[in-house]
Amino acid sequence: MESIITEVRIFPKEDLGKTLAFANITVMDQFVVKNLRVVKGDKGIFIGMPSNKKKNGEYVDIFFPITQEARDYITKVIVDKYNETTNSEEHV
């Protein structure tokens, strides 16, 4: 799974409540997924997947991992890059 995400870009934000940053990932040098959210939760950092708001106000993810292994991998590479970019040591 190491070569699936080939680039991670982090865009730190301030004054967005629990959202610490936004991230874009490049998948296999072929696809870009934008607007993943780096969020500080009660149990540590988690990654919010990009979503669209439906007419009824409900949010629907437009990109999401199918397996827990994939979710953990995406979270790890984004949090590692976030820590590198911001010189912090936030944890999942």
C-alpha atoms as a PDB file:
ATOM      1  CA  MET A   1       0.000   0.000   0.000  1.00  0.00           C
ATOM      2  CA  GLU A   2       3.074   2.222   0.370  1.00  0.00           C
ATOM      3  CA  SER A   3       3.066   3.448  -3.235  1.00  0.00           C
ATOM      4  CA  ILE A   4      -0.643   4.203  -3.544  1.00  0.00           C
ATOM      5  CA  ILE A   5      -0.499   7.755  -2.165  1.00  0.00           C
ATOM      6  CA  THR A   6       2.332   9.421  -4.025  1.00  0.00           C
ATOM      7  CA  GLU A   7       1.948  12.994  -2.746  1.00  0.00           C
ATOM      8  CA  VAL A   8       0.353  14.750   0.211  1.00  0.00           C
ATOM      9  CA  ARG A   9      -0.164  18.514   0.372  1.00  0.00           C
ATOM     10  CA  ILE A  10      -1.208  20.176   3.624  1.00  0.00           C
ATOM     11  CA  PHE A  11      -2.893  23.557   3.965  1.00  0.00           C
ATOM     12  CA  PRO A  12      -2.886  24.567   7.666  1.00  0.00           C
ATOM     13  CA  LYS A  13      -5.801  26.729   8.803  1.00  0.00           C
ATOM     14  CA  GLU A  14      -6.484  28.843  11.855  1.00  0.00           C
ATOM     15  CA  ASP A  15      -9.780  29.915  13.362  1.00  0.00           C
ATOM     16  CA  LEU A  16     -11.726  26.975  11.919  1.00  0.00           C
ATOM     17  CA  GLY A  17     -12.613  25.381  15.231  1.00  0.00           C
ATOM     18  CA  LYS A  18     -11.495  21.772  15.338  1.00  0.00           C
ATOM     19  CA  THR A  19     -10.362  21.756  11.695  1.00  0.00           C
ATOM     20  CA  LEU A  20      -6.573  22.131  11.785  1.00  0.00           C
ATOM     21  CA  ALA A  21      -5.873  21.894   8.055  1.00  0.00           C
ATOM     22  CA  PHE A  22      -7.053  20.697   4.690  1.00  0.00           C
ATOM     23  CA  ALA A  23      -5.162  18.108   2.666  1.00  0.00           C
ATOM     24  CA  ASN A  24      -4.948  16.992  -0.937  1.00  0.00           C
ATOM     25  CA  ILE A  25      -3.584  13.571  -1.816  1.00  0.00           C
ATOM     26  CA  THR A  26      -2.349  12.235  -5.139  1.00  0.00           C
ATOM     27  CA  VAL A  27      -3.175   8.599  -5.785  1.00  0.00           C
ATOM     28  CA  MET A  28      -0.668   6.593  -7.892  1.00  0.00           C
ATOM     29  CA  ASP A  29       0.460   9.796  -9.662  1.00  0.00           C
ATOM     30  CA  GLN A  30      -2.868   9.654 -11.527  1.00  0.00           C
ATOM     31  CA  PHE A  31      -5.700  11.118  -9.408  1.00  0.00           C
ATOM     32  CA  VAL A  32      -5.981  13.978  -6.927  1.00  0.00           C
ATOM     33  CA  VAL A  33      -8.403  13.944  -4.027  1.00  0.00           C
ATOM     34  CA  LYS A  34      -8.957  17.416  -2.575  1.00  0.00           C
ATOM     35  CA  ASN A  35     -10.430  18.808   0.623  1.00  0.00           C
ATOM     36  CA  LEU A  36      -9.713  16.071   3.126  1.00  0.00           C
ATOM     37  CA  ARG A  37      -9.973  17.683   6.567  1.00  0.00           C
ATOM     38  CA  VAL A  38      -7.442  17.242   9.377  1.00  0.00           C
ATOM     39  CA  VAL A  39      -9.622  17.445  12.483  1.00  0.00           C
ATOM     40  CA  LYS A  40      -8.703  17.467  16.172  1.00  0.00           C
ATOM     41  CA  GLY A  41     -11.180  15.210  17.940  1.00  0.00           C
ATOM     42  CA  ASP A  42     -11.558  14.195  21.567  1.00  0.00           C
ATOM     43  CA  LYS A  43      -9.427  11.084  20.986  1.00  0.00           C
ATOM     44  CA  GLY A  44      -6.809  12.678  18.716  1.00  0.00           C
ATOM     45  CA  ILE A  45      -6.612  13.659  15.078  1.00  0.00           C
ATOM     46  CA  PHE A  46      -8.827  12.107  12.455  1.00  0.00           C
ATOM     47  CA  ILE A  47      -9.303  12.716   8.750  1.00  0.00           C
ATOM     48  CA  GLY A  48     -12.664  13.911   7.449  1.00  0.00           C
ATOM     49  CA  MET A  49     -13.364  12.779   3.928  1.00  0.00           C
ATOM     50  CA  PRO A  50     -14.468  15.249   1.240  1.00  0.00           C
ATOM     51  CA  SER A  51     -18.237  15.466   0.977  1.00  0.00           C
ATOM     52  CA  ASN A  52     -21.098  17.201  -0.767  1.00  0.00           C
ATOM     53  CA  LYS A  53     -24.147  18.650   0.933  1.00  0.00           C
ATOM     54  CA  LYS A  54     -27.456  17.313  -0.345  1.00  0.00           C
ATOM     55  CA  LYS A  55     -30.585  19.451  -0.654  1.00  0.00           C
ATOM     56  CA  ASN A  56     -31.932  17.994   2.604  1.00  0.00           C
ATOM     57  CA  GLY A  57     -28.803  19.208   4.466  1.00  0.00           C
ATOM     58  CA  GLU A  58     -27.241  15.768   4.803  1.00  0.00           C
ATOM     59  CA  TYR A  59     -23.565  15.356   3.880  1.00  0.00           C
ATOM     60  CA  VAL A  60     -22.463  12.504   1.636  1.00  0.00           C
ATOM     61  CA  ASP A  61     -18.806  11.491   1.357  1.00  0.00           C
ATOM     62  CA  ILE A  62     -17.573  11.579  -2.219  1.00  0.00           C
ATOM     63  CA  PHE A  63     -14.316   9.737  -1.471  1.00  0.00           C
ATOM     64  CA  PHE A  64     -13.868   7.167   1.249  1.00  0.00           C
ATOM     65  CA  PRO A  65     -11.751   4.125   2.043  1.00  0.00           C
ATOM     66  CA  ILE A  66     -13.520   0.775   1.948  1.00  0.00           C
ATOM     67  CA  THR A  67     -11.266  -1.044   4.417  1.00  0.00           C
ATOM     68  CA  GLN A  68      -9.980  -0.056   7.851  1.00  0.00           C
ATOM     69  CA  GLU A  69      -6.448  -0.702   6.576  1.00  0.00           C
ATOM     70  CA  ALA A  70      -6.929   1.893   3.820  1.00  0.00           C
ATOM     71  CA  ARG A  71      -8.446   4.407   6.270  1.00  0.00           C
ATOM     72  CA  ASP A  72      -5.532   3.912   8.681  1.00  0.00           C
ATOM     73  CA  TYR A  73      -3.011   4.354   5.854  1.00  0.00           C
ATOM     74  CA  ILE A  74      -4.626   7.568   4.593  1.00  0.00           C
ATOM     75  CA  THR A  75      -4.786   8.917   8.145  1.00  0.00           C
ATOM     76  CA  LYS A  76      -1.147   8.059   8.850  1.00  0.00           C
ATOM     77  CA  VAL A  77       0.301   9.664   5.714  1.00  0.00           C
ATOM     78  CA  ILE A  78      -1.762  12.831   6.150  1.00  0.00           C
ATOM     79  CA  VAL A  79      -1.045  13.197   9.893  1.00  0.00           C
ATOM     80  CA  ASP A  80       2.671  12.536   9.321  1.00  0.00           C
ATOM     81  CA  LYS A  81       2.773  15.246   6.630  1.00  0.00           C
ATOM     82  CA  TYR A  82       0.725  17.608   8.838  1.00  0.00           C
ATOM     83  CA  ASN A  83       3.228  17.114  11.689  1.00  0.00           C
ATOM     84  CA  GLU A  84       6.150  17.668   9.310  1.00  0.00           C
ATOM     85  CA  THR A  85       4.557  20.796   7.831  1.00  0.00           C
ATOM     86  CA  THR A  86       3.607  22.371  11.150  1.00  0.00           C
ATOM     87  CA  ASN A  87       6.532  21.044  13.203  1.00  0.00           C
ATOM     88  CA  SER A  88       4.117  19.578  15.711  1.00  0.00           C
ATOM     89  CA  GLU A  89       3.553  16.101  17.084  1.00  0.00           C
ATOM     90  CA  GLU A  90      -0.195  15.611  16.909  1.00  0.00           C
ATOM     91  CA  HIS A  91      -1.377  12.021  17.239  1.00  0.00           C
ATOM     92  CA  VAL A  92      -4.102   9.960  15.686  1.00  0.00           C
END
